[in-house]
Amino acid sequence: MKKITAAELAAADMESITLIDLREPSEFAENSIAGSVNMPFSEIWTCLSEVPDHKPVYVMCRTGDISREIVEILEDRGYDVYNVEGGFAAYTVYRAVSEG
């Protein structure tokens, strides 16, 4: 399984990737990354066919655990897919530290 860190995600060109956020809509609405797509884990099975396959896919959940399962499924389907290590929690910490 391919992985990326919160720092790598923060540096990513959002135009060249698809970032899937598996958190629930209320969490996503409260705080999300610009350009990310909310596909809640509770509904992911109906959304998987909508995931574009022409660019890398980064998958993120709250802590990076649930997203591993979706990454494995997308890998099996031939996607160039990466798990965001530590999920949104790690990204939030990274942004807070890097912005001082």
PDB file of N, CA and C in Angstrom:
ATOM      1  N   MET A   1       0.838  -1.180   0.000  1.00  0.00           N
ATOM      2  CA  MET A   1       0.000   0.000   0.000  1.00  0.00           C
ATOM      3  C   MET A   1       0.885   1.245   0.000  1.00  0.00           C
ATOM      4  N   LYS A   2       0.592   2.151  -0.924  1.00  0.00           N
ATOM      5  CA  LYS A   2       1.335   3.405  -0.988  1.00  0.00           C
ATOM      6  C   LYS A   2       0.745   4.381   0.024  1.00  0.00           C
ATOM      7  N   LYS A   3       1.626   5.173   0.628  1.00  0.00           N
ATOM      8  CA  LYS A   3       1.207   6.126   1.655  1.00  0.00           C
ATOM      9  C   LYS A   3       1.837   7.481   1.382  1.00  0.00           C
ATOM     10  N   ILE A   4       1.187   8.518   1.888  1.00  0.00           N
ATOM     11  CA  ILE A   4       1.777   9.850   1.886  1.00  0.00           C
ATOM     12  C   ILE A   4       1.614  10.440   3.278  1.00  0.00           C
ATOM     13  N   THR A   5       2.445  11.389   3.602  1.00  0.00           N
ATOM     14  CA  THR A   5       2.378  12.051   4.902  1.00  0.00           C
ATOM     15  C   THR A   5       1.513  13.303   4.809  1.00  0.00           C
ATOM     16  N   ALA A   6       1.208  13.863   5.957  1.00  0.00           N
ATOM     17  CA  ALA A   6       0.452  15.112   5.993  1.00  0.00           C
ATOM     18  C   ALA A   6       1.231  16.224   5.293  1.00  0.00           C
ATOM     19  N   ALA A   7       2.545  16.247   5.448  1.00  0.00           N
ATOM     20  CA  ALA A   7       3.371  17.261   4.785  1.00  0.00           C
ATOM     21  C   ALA A   7       3.301  17.114   3.271  1.00  0.00           C
ATOM     22  N   GLU A   8       3.346  15.884   2.783  1.00  0.00           N
ATOM     23  CA  GLU A   8       3.243  15.648   1.341  1.00  0.00           C
ATOM     24  C   GLU A   8       1.871  16.066   0.813  1.00  0.00           C
ATOM     25  N   LEU A   9       0.837  15.793   1.595  1.00  0.00           N
ATOM     26  CA  LEU A   9      -0.506  16.208   1.202  1.00  0.00           C
ATOM     27  C   LEU A   9      -0.591  17.732   1.141  1.00  0.00           C
ATOM     28  N   ALA A  10      -0.049  18.407   2.131  1.00  0.00           N
ATOM     29  CA  ALA A  10      -0.092  19.869   2.167  1.00  0.00           C
ATOM     30  C   ALA A  10       0.632  20.478   0.963  1.00  0.00           C
ATOM     31  N   ALA A  11       1.650  19.800   0.471  1.00  0.00           N
ATOM     32  CA  ALA A  11       2.431  20.301  -0.667  1.00  0.00           C
ATOM     33  C   ALA A  11       1.860  19.872  -2.017  1.00  0.00           C
ATOM     34  N   ALA A  12       0.859  19.020  -2.012  1.00  0.00           N
ATOM     35  CA  ALA A  12       0.316  18.472  -3.263  1.00  0.00           C
ATOM     36  C   ALA A  12      -0.409  19.530  -4.075  1.00  0.00           C
ATOM     37  N   ASP A  13      -0.311  19.382  -5.384  1.00  0.00           N
ATOM     38  CA  ASP A  13      -1.064  20.213  -6.314  1.00  0.00           C
ATOM     39  C   ASP A  13      -2.463  19.604  -6.415  1.00  0.00           C
ATOM     40  N   MET A  14      -3.426  20.246  -5.824  1.00  0.00           N
ATOM     41  CA  MET A  14      -4.780  19.691  -5.749  1.00  0.00           C
ATOM     42  C   MET A  14      -5.425  19.519  -7.121  1.00  0.00           C
ATOM     43  N   GLU A  15      -4.924  20.205  -8.124  1.00  0.00           N
ATOM     44  CA  GLU A  15      -5.445  20.059  -9.482  1.00  0.00           C
ATOM     45  C   GLU A  15      -5.008  18.741 -10.110  1.00  0.00           C
ATOM     46  N   SER A  16      -3.900  18.188  -9.615  1.00  0.00           N
ATOM     47  CA  SER A  16      -3.348  16.976 -10.248  1.00  0.00           C
ATOM     48  C   SER A  16      -3.703  15.693  -9.507  1.00  0.00           C
ATOM     49  N   ILE A  17      -4.480  15.802  -8.429  1.00  0.00           N
ATOM     50  CA  ILE A  17      -4.894  14.623  -7.655  1.00  0.00           C
ATOM     51  C   ILE A  17      -6.390  14.686  -7.385  1.00  0.00           C
ATOM     52  N   THR A  18      -6.915  13.568  -6.918  1.00  0.00           N
ATOM     53  CA  THR A  18      -8.254  13.524  -6.343  1.00  0.00           C
ATOM     54  C   THR A  18      -8.074  13.181  -4.877  1.00  0.00           C
ATOM     55  N   LEU A  19      -8.548  14.046  -3.991  1.00  0.00           N
ATOM     56  CA  LEU A  19      -8.471  13.793  -2.552  1.00  0.00           C
ATOM     57  C   LEU A  19      -9.855  13.432  -2.052  1.00  0.00           C
ATOM     58  N   ILE A  20      -9.995  12.196  -1.600  1.00  0.00           N
ATOM     59  CA  ILE A  20     -11.270  11.710  -1.067  1.00  0.00           C
ATOM     60  C   ILE A  20     -11.218  11.786   0.449  1.00  0.00           C
ATOM     61  N   ASP A  21     -12.198  12.453   1.027  1.00  0.00           N
ATOM     62  CA  ASP A  21     -12.329  12.584   2.477  1.00  0.00           C
ATOM     63  C   ASP A  21     -13.496  11.695   2.911  1.00  0.00           C
ATOM     64  N   LEU A  22     -13.187  10.659   3.693  1.00  0.00           N
ATOM     65  CA  LEU A  22     -14.190   9.675   4.103  1.00  0.00           C
ATOM     66  C   LEU A  22     -14.982  10.061   5.352  1.00  0.00           C
ATOM     67  N   ARG A  23     -14.674  11.208   5.929  1.00  0.00           N
ATOM     68  CA  ARG A  23     -15.380  11.615   7.147  1.00  0.00           C
ATOM     69  C   ARG A  23     -16.839  11.926   6.837  1.00  0.00           C
ATOM     70  N   GLU A  24     -17.640  11.941   7.867  1.00  0.00           N
ATOM     71  CA  GLU A  24     -19.070  12.204   7.710  1.00  0.00           C
ATOM     72  C   GLU A  24     -19.302  13.649   7.268  1.00  0.00           C
ATOM     73  N   PRO A  25     -20.414  13.913   6.587  1.00  0.00           N
ATOM     74  CA  PRO A  25     -20.691  15.256   6.063  1.00  0.00           C
ATOM     75  C   PRO A  25     -20.593  16.373   7.100  1.00  0.00           C
ATOM     76  N   SER A  26     -21.019  16.117   8.321  1.00  0.00           N
ATOM     77  CA  SER A  26     -20.952  17.170   9.346  1.00  0.00           C
ATOM     78  C   SER A  26     -19.500  17.531   9.673  1.00  0.00           C
ATOM     79  N   GLU A  27     -18.627  16.529   9.730  1.00  0.00           N
ATOM     80  CA  GLU A  27     -17.207  16.783   9.976  1.00  0.00           C
ATOM     81  C   GLU A  27     -16.581  17.520   8.798  1.00  0.00           C
ATOM     82  N   PHE A  28     -16.920  17.082   7.603  1.00  0.00           N
ATOM     83  CA  PHE A  28     -16.401  17.687   6.379  1.00  0.00           C
ATOM     84  C   PHE A  28     -16.831  19.148   6.280  1.00  0.00           C
ATOM     85  N   ALA A  29     -18.098  19.434   6.579  1.00  0.00           N
ATOM     86  CA  ALA A  29     -18.619  20.799   6.501  1.00  0.00           C
ATOM     87  C   ALA A  29     -17.948  21.709   7.529  1.00  0.00           C
ATOM     88  N   GLU A  30     -17.614  21.147   8.674  1.00  0.00           N
ATOM     89  CA  GLU A  30     -16.990  21.924   9.742  1.00  0.00           C
ATOM     90  C   GLU A  30     -15.567  22.329   9.406  1.00  0.00           C
ATOM     91  N   ASN A  31     -14.822  21.423   8.770  1.00  0.00           N
ATOM     92  CA  ASN A  31     -13.423  21.684   8.468  1.00  0.00           C
ATOM     93  C   ASN A  31     -12.952  20.684   7.424  1.00  0.00           C
ATOM     94  N   SER A  32     -12.551  21.189   6.271  1.00  0.00           N
ATOM     95  CA  SER A  32     -12.092  20.293   5.212  1.00  0.00           C
ATOM     96  C   SER A  32     -10.973  20.960   4.421  1.00  0.00           C
ATOM     97  N   ILE A  33     -10.375  20.210   3.538  1.00  0.00           N
ATOM     98  CA  ILE A  33      -9.295  20.707   2.691  1.00  0.00           C
ATOM     99  C   ILE A  33      -9.895  21.155   1.364  1.00  0.00           C
ATOM    100  N   ALA A  34      -9.566  22.373   0.970  1.00  0.00           N
ATOM    101  CA  ALA A  34     -10.081  22.905  -0.294  1.00  0.00           C
ATOM    102  C   ALA A  34      -9.737  21.950  -1.434  1.00  0.00           C
ATOM    103  N   GLY A  35     -10.729  21.633  -2.239  1.00  0.00           N
ATOM    104  CA  GLY A  35     -10.538  20.750  -3.378  1.00  0.00           C
ATOM    105  C   GLY A  35     -10.798  19.282  -3.090  1.00  0.00           C
ATOM    106  N   SER A  36     -11.005  18.940  -1.821  1.00  0.00           N
ATOM    107  CA  SER A  36     -11.281  17.540  -1.491  1.00  0.00           C
ATOM    108  C   SER A  36     -12.733  17.200  -1.797  1.00  0.00           C
ATOM    109  N   VAL A  37     -12.983  15.902  -1.960  1.00  0.00           N
ATOM    110  CA  VAL A  37     -14.318  15.399  -2.270  1.00  0.00           C
ATOM    111  C   VAL A  37     -14.792  14.565  -1.094  1.00  0.00           C
ATOM    112  N   ASN A  38     -15.962  14.894  -0.576  1.00  0.00           N
ATOM    113  CA  ASN A  38     -16.499  14.135   0.552  1.00  0.00           C
ATOM    114  C   ASN A  38     -17.264  12.915   0.045  1.00  0.00           C
ATOM    115  N   MET A  39     -16.746  11.748   0.381  1.00  0.00           N
ATOM    116  CA  MET A  39     -17.417  10.474   0.109  1.00  0.00           C
ATOM    117  C   MET A  39     -17.436   9.730   1.441  1.00  0.00           C
ATOM    118  N   PRO A  40     -18.440  10.010   2.275  1.00  0.00           N
ATOM    119  CA  PRO A  40     -18.470   9.421   3.610  1.00  0.00           C
ATOM    120  C   PRO A  40     -18.353   7.899   3.579  1.00  0.00           C
ATOM    121  N   PHE A  41     -17.583   7.375   4.516  1.00  0.00           N
ATOM    122  CA  PHE A  41     -17.388   5.929   4.580  1.00  0.00           C
ATOM    123  C   PHE A  41     -18.716   5.204   4.636  1.00  0.00           C
ATOM    124  N   SER A  42     -19.689   5.780   5.321  1.00  0.00           N
ATOM    125  CA  SER A  42     -20.999   5.130   5.448  1.00  0.00           C
ATOM    126  C   SER A  42     -21.724   5.024   4.100  1.00  0.00           C
ATOM    127  N   GLU A  43     -21.277   5.794   3.102  1.00  0.00           N
ATOM    128  CA  GLU A  43     -21.915   5.783   1.787  1.00  0.00           C
ATOM    129  C   GLU A  43     -20.946   5.401   0.667  1.00  0.00           C
ATOM    130  N   ILE A  44     -19.721   5.048   1.010  1.00  0.00           N
ATOM    131  CA  ILE A  44     -18.667   4.879   0.005  1.00  0.00           C
ATOM    132  C   ILE A  44     -19.005   3.830  -1.044  1.00  0.00           C
ATOM    133  N   TRP A  45     -19.721   2.804  -0.665  1.00  0.00           N
ATOM    134  CA  TRP A  45     -19.989   1.726  -1.619  1.00  0.00           C
ATOM    135  C   TRP A  45     -20.839   2.189  -2.788  1.00  0.00           C
ATOM    136  N   THR A  46     -21.617   3.252  -2.595  1.00  0.00           N
ATOM    137  CA  THR A  46     -22.414   3.781  -3.701  1.00  0.00           C
ATOM    138  C   THR A  46     -21.643   4.832  -4.491  1.00  0.00           C
ATOM    139  N   CYS A  47     -20.506   5.290  -3.962  1.00  0.00           N
ATOM    140  CA  CYS A  47     -19.727   6.355  -4.603  1.00  0.00           C
ATOM    141  C   CYS A  47     -18.486   5.864  -5.336  1.00  0.00           C
ATOM    142  N   LEU A  48     -18.061   4.645  -5.090  1.00  0.00           N
ATOM    143  CA  LEU A  48     -16.790   4.177  -5.647  1.00  0.00           C
ATOM    144  C   LEU A  48     -16.720   4.287  -7.164  1.00  0.00           C
ATOM    145  N   SER A  49     -17.820   4.104  -7.836  1.00  0.00           N
ATOM    146  CA  SER A  49     -17.807   4.183  -9.295  1.00  0.00           C
ATOM    147  C   SER A  49     -17.563   5.613  -9.791  1.00  0.00           C
ATOM    148  N   GLU A  50     -17.699   6.602  -8.910  1.00  0.00           N
ATOM    149  CA  GLU A  50     -17.498   8.001  -9.278  1.00  0.00           C
ATOM    150  C   GLU A  50     -16.049   8.457  -9.136  1.00  0.00           C
ATOM    151  N   VAL A  51     -15.194   7.616  -8.583  1.00  0.00           N
ATOM    152  CA  VAL A  51     -13.798   7.999  -8.362  1.00  0.00           C
ATOM    153  C   VAL A  51     -13.076   8.025  -9.712  1.00  0.00           C
ATOM    154  N   PRO A  52     -12.529   9.191 -10.091  1.00  0.00           N
ATOM    155  CA  PRO A  52     -11.828   9.271 -11.374  1.00  0.00           C
ATOM    156  C   PRO A  52     -10.564   8.420 -11.372  1.00  0.00           C
ATOM    157  N   ASP A  53     -10.250   7.832 -12.523  1.00  0.00           N
ATOM    158  CA  ASP A  53      -9.079   6.957 -12.588  1.00  0.00           C
ATOM    159  C   ASP A  53      -7.955   7.537 -13.442  1.00  0.00           C
ATOM    160  N   HIS A  54      -8.070   8.805 -13.823  1.00  0.00           N
ATOM    161  CA  HIS A  54      -7.071   9.407 -14.700  1.00  0.00           C
ATOM    162  C   HIS A  54      -5.987  10.202 -13.964  1.00  0.00           C
ATOM    163  N   LYS A  55      -6.048  10.249 -12.624  1.00  0.00           N
ATOM    164  CA  LYS A  55      -5.009  10.910 -11.842  1.00  0.00           C
ATOM    165  C   LYS A  55      -4.911  10.224 -10.488  1.00  0.00           C
ATOM    166  N   PRO A  56      -3.798  10.431  -9.768  1.00  0.00           N
ATOM    167  CA  PRO A  56      -3.640   9.780  -8.466  1.00  0.00           C
ATOM    168  C   PRO A  56      -4.779  10.130  -7.512  1.00  0.00           C
ATOM    169  N   VAL A  57      -5.126   9.159  -6.673  1.00  0.00           N
ATOM    170  CA  VAL A  57      -6.196   9.330  -5.690  1.00  0.00           C
ATOM    171  C   VAL A  57      -5.569   9.224  -4.296  1.00  0.00           C
ATOM    172  N   TYR A  58      -5.808  10.249  -3.487  1.00  0.00           N
ATOM    173  CA  TYR A  58      -5.379  10.240  -2.089  1.00  0.00           C
ATOM    174  C   TYR A  58      -6.641  10.020  -1.264  1.00  0.00           C
ATOM    175  N   VAL A  59      -6.574   9.101  -0.297  1.00  0.00           N
ATOM    176  CA  VAL A  59      -7.741   8.787   0.521  1.00  0.00           C
ATOM    177  C   VAL A  59      -7.428   9.118   1.973  1.00  0.00           C
ATOM    178  N   MET A  60      -8.365   9.815   2.611  1.00  0.00           N
ATOM    179  CA  MET A  60      -8.154  10.295   3.972  1.00  0.00           C
ATOM    180  C   MET A  60      -9.418  10.073   4.794  1.00  0.00           C
ATOM    181  N   CYS A  61      -9.224   9.660   6.035  1.00  0.00           N
ATOM    182  CA  CYS A  61     -10.316   9.598   7.004  1.00  0.00           C
ATOM    183  C   CYS A  61      -9.879  10.433   8.212  1.00  0.00           C
ATOM    184  N   ARG A  62     -10.477  10.220   9.334  1.00  0.00           N
ATOM    185  CA  ARG A  62     -10.129  11.008  10.516  1.00  0.00           C
ATOM    186  C   ARG A  62      -8.711  10.707  10.994  1.00  0.00           C
ATOM    187  N   THR A  63      -8.334   9.403  11.056  1.00  0.00           N
ATOM    188  CA  THR A  63      -7.029   9.032  11.621  1.00  0.00           C
ATOM    189  C   THR A  63      -6.164   8.172  10.705  1.00  0.00           C
ATOM    190  N   GLY A  64      -6.643   7.820   9.547  1.00  0.00           N
ATOM    191  CA  GLY A  64      -5.861   7.026   8.606  1.00  0.00           C
ATOM    192  C   GLY A  64      -6.111   5.539   8.667  1.00  0.00           C
ATOM    193  N   ASP A  65      -6.987   5.108   9.564  1.00  0.00           N
ATOM    194  CA  ASP A  65      -7.240   3.674   9.703  1.00  0.00           C
ATOM    195  C   ASP A  65      -8.290   3.163   8.710  1.00  0.00           C
ATOM    196  N   ILE A  66      -9.423   3.803   8.667  1.00  0.00           N
ATOM    197  CA  ILE A  66     -10.506   3.371   7.785  1.00  0.00           C
ATOM    198  C   ILE A  66     -10.115   3.545   6.318  1.00  0.00           C
ATOM    199  N   SER A  67      -9.358   4.578   6.037  1.00  0.00           N
ATOM    200  CA  SER A  67      -8.980   4.839   4.646  1.00  0.00           C
ATOM    201  C   SER A  67      -8.128   3.710   4.065  1.00  0.00           C
ATOM    202  N   ARG A  68      -7.410   2.983   4.903  1.00  0.00           N
ATOM    203  CA  ARG A  68      -6.610   1.852   4.404  1.00  0.00           C
ATOM    204  C   ARG A  68      -7.476   0.842   3.655  1.00  0.00           C
ATOM    205  N   GLU A  69      -8.645   0.567   4.187  1.00  0.00           N
ATOM    206  CA  GLU A  69      -9.556  -0.399   3.560  1.00  0.00           C
ATOM    207  C   GLU A  69      -9.971   0.065   2.164  1.00  0.00           C
ATOM    208  N   ILE A  70     -10.288   1.343   2.042  1.00  0.00           N
ATOM    209  CA  ILE A  70     -10.712   1.878   0.746  1.00  0.00           C
ATOM    210  C   ILE A  70      -9.534   1.912  -0.224  1.00  0.00           C
ATOM    211  N   VAL A  71      -8.351   2.230   0.267  1.00  0.00           N
ATOM    212  CA  VAL A  71      -7.153   2.217  -0.579  1.00  0.00           C
ATOM    213  C   VAL A  71      -6.935   0.820  -1.157  1.00  0.00           C
ATOM    214  N   GLU A  72      -7.078  -0.206  -0.333  1.00  0.00           N
ATOM    215  CA  GLU A  72      -6.900  -1.581  -0.812  1.00  0.00           C
ATOM    216  C   GLU A  72      -7.919  -1.925  -1.906  1.00  0.00           C
ATOM    217  N   ILE A  73      -9.149  -1.506  -1.719  1.00  0.00           N
ATOM    218  CA  ILE A  73     -10.196  -1.778  -2.709  1.00  0.00           C
ATOM    219  C   ILE A  73      -9.875  -1.069  -4.024  1.00  0.00           C
ATOM    220  N   LEU A  74      -9.476   0.195  -3.939  1.00  0.00           N
ATOM    221  CA  LEU A  74      -9.149   0.942  -5.151  1.00  0.00           C
ATOM    222  C   LEU A  74      -7.886   0.398  -5.823  1.00  0.00           C
ATOM    223  N   GLU A  75      -6.920  -0.054  -5.032  1.00  0.00           N
ATOM    224  CA  GLU A  75      -5.726  -0.698  -5.604  1.00  0.00           C
ATOM    225  C   GLU A  75      -6.135  -1.920  -6.424  1.00  0.00           C
ATOM    226  N   ASP A  76      -7.023  -2.718  -5.850  1.00  0.00           N
ATOM    227  CA  ASP A  76      -7.495  -3.922  -6.547  1.00  0.00           C
ATOM    228  C   ASP A  76      -8.205  -3.576  -7.857  1.00  0.00           C
ATOM    229  N   ARG A  77      -8.729  -2.367  -7.942  1.00  0.00           N
ATOM    230  CA  ARG A  77      -9.435  -1.924  -9.152  1.00  0.00           C
ATOM    231  C   ARG A  77      -8.509  -1.189 -10.123  1.00  0.00           C
ATOM    232  N   GLY A  78      -7.208  -1.134  -9.795  1.00  0.00           N
ATOM    233  CA  GLY A  78      -6.229  -0.556 -10.708  1.00  0.00           C
ATOM    234  C   GLY A  78      -5.932   0.922 -10.537  1.00  0.00           C
ATOM    235  N   TYR A  79      -6.407   1.529  -9.478  1.00  0.00           N
ATOM    236  CA  TYR A  79      -6.151   2.946  -9.250  1.00  0.00           C
ATOM    237  C   TYR A  79      -4.730   3.186  -8.749  1.00  0.00           C
ATOM    238  N   ASP A  80      -4.193   4.358  -9.055  1.00  0.00           N
ATOM    239  CA  ASP A  80      -2.954   4.854  -8.463  1.00  0.00           C
ATOM    240  C   ASP A  80      -3.392   5.575  -7.191  1.00  0.00           C
ATOM    241  N   VAL A  81      -3.354   4.873  -6.069  1.00  0.00           N
ATOM    242  CA  VAL A  81      -4.011   5.358  -4.854  1.00  0.00           C
ATOM    243  C   VAL A  81      -3.051   5.335  -3.657  1.00  0.00           C
ATOM    244  N   TYR A  82      -3.226   6.319  -2.778  1.00  0.00           N
ATOM    245  CA  TYR A  82      -2.353   6.511  -1.617  1.00  0.00           C
ATOM    246  C   TYR A  82      -3.199   6.739  -0.369  1.00  0.00           C
ATOM    247  N   ASN A  83      -2.764   6.171   0.748  1.00  0.00           N
ATOM    248  CA  ASN A  83      -3.394   6.418   2.034  1.00  0.00           C
ATOM    249  C   ASN A  83      -2.694   7.604   2.693  1.00  0.00           C
ATOM    250  N   VAL A  84      -3.468   8.551   3.217  1.00  0.00           N
ATOM    251  CA  VAL A  84      -2.903   9.683   3.944  1.00  0.00           C
ATOM    252  C   VAL A  84      -2.656   9.216   5.379  1.00  0.00           C
ATOM    253  N   GLU A  85      -1.370   9.043   5.731  1.00  0.00           N
ATOM    254  CA  GLU A  85      -1.008   8.553   7.056  1.00  0.00           C
ATOM    255  C   GLU A  85      -1.475   9.519   8.141  1.00  0.00           C
ATOM    256  N   GLY A  86      -2.175   8.997   9.132  1.00  0.00           N
ATOM    257  CA  GLY A  86      -2.655   9.820  10.232  1.00  0.00           C
ATOM    258  C   GLY A  86      -3.918  10.592   9.921  1.00  0.00           C
ATOM    259  N   GLY A  87      -4.370  10.557   8.670  1.00  0.00           N
ATOM    260  CA  GLY A  87      -5.627  11.163   8.271  1.00  0.00           C
ATOM    261  C   GLY A  87      -5.720  12.660   8.499  1.00  0.00           C
ATOM    262  N   PHE A  88      -6.946  13.116   8.643  1.00  0.00           N
ATOM    263  CA  PHE A  88      -7.199  14.543   8.806  1.00  0.00           C
ATOM    264  C   PHE A  88      -6.587  15.061  10.100  1.00  0.00           C
ATOM    265  N   ALA A  89      -6.528  14.228  11.120  1.00  0.00           N
ATOM    266  CA  ALA A  89      -5.929  14.643  12.397  1.00  0.00           C
ATOM    267  C   ALA A  89      -4.461  15.013  12.203  1.00  0.00           C
ATOM    268  N   ALA A  90      -3.712  14.191  11.482  1.00  0.00           N
ATOM    269  CA  ALA A  90      -2.299  14.475  11.238  1.00  0.00           C
ATOM    270  C   ALA A  90      -2.148  15.723  10.374  1.00  0.00           C
ATOM    271  N   TYR A  91      -3.015  15.882   9.386  1.00  0.00           N
ATOM    272  CA  TYR A  91      -2.959  17.059   8.521  1.00  0.00           C
ATOM    273  C   TYR A  91      -3.204  18.329   9.343  1.00  0.00           C
ATOM    274  N   THR A  92      -4.175  18.290  10.225  1.00  0.00           N
ATOM    275  CA  THR A  92      -4.495  19.446  11.065  1.00  0.00           C
ATOM    276  C   THR A  92      -3.313  19.818  11.954  1.00  0.00           C
ATOM    277  N   VAL A  93      -2.687  18.824  12.558  1.00  0.00           N
ATOM    278  CA  VAL A  93      -1.512  19.074  13.406  1.00  0.00           C
ATOM    279  C   VAL A  93      -0.380  19.653  12.576  1.00  0.00           C
ATOM    280  N   TYR A  94      -0.124  19.054  11.398  1.00  0.00           N
ATOM    281  CA  TYR A  94       0.944  19.555  10.536  1.00  0.00           C
ATOM    282  C   TYR A  94       0.714  21.016  10.175  1.00  0.00           C
ATOM    283  N   ARG A  95      -0.498  21.360   9.772  1.00  0.00           N
ATOM    284  CA  ARG A  95      -0.800  22.746   9.386  1.00  0.00           C
ATOM    285  C   ARG A  95      -0.614  23.697  10.568  1.00  0.00           C
ATOM    286  N   ALA A  96      -1.039  23.288  11.753  1.00  0.00           N
ATOM    287  CA  ALA A  96      -0.902  24.149  12.940  1.00  0.00           C
ATOM    288  C   ALA A  96       0.567  24.394  13.269  1.00  0.00           C
ATOM    289  N   VAL A  97       1.380  23.347  13.175  1.00  0.00           N
ATOM    290  CA  VAL A  97       2.806  23.466  13.488  1.00  0.00           C
ATOM    291  C   VAL A  97       3.525  24.276  12.408  1.00  0.00           C
ATOM    292  N   SER A  98       3.221  23.996  11.152  1.00  0.00           N
ATOM    293  CA  SER A  98       3.927  24.672  10.062  1.00  0.00           C
ATOM    294  C   SER A  98       3.556  26.147   9.947  1.00  0.00           C
ATOM    295  N   GLU A  99       2.369  26.496  10.395  1.00  0.00           N
ATOM    296  CA  GLU A  99       1.943  27.890  10.334  1.00  0.00           C
ATOM    297  C   GLU A  99       2.311  28.656  11.592  1.00  0.00           C
ATOM    298  N   GLY A 100       2.860  27.921  12.575  1.00  0.00           N
ATOM    299  CA  GLY A 100       3.397  28.542  13.783  1.00  0.00           C
ATOM    300  C   GLY A 100       2.366  28.985  14.722  1.00  0.00           C
TER     301      GLY A 100
END
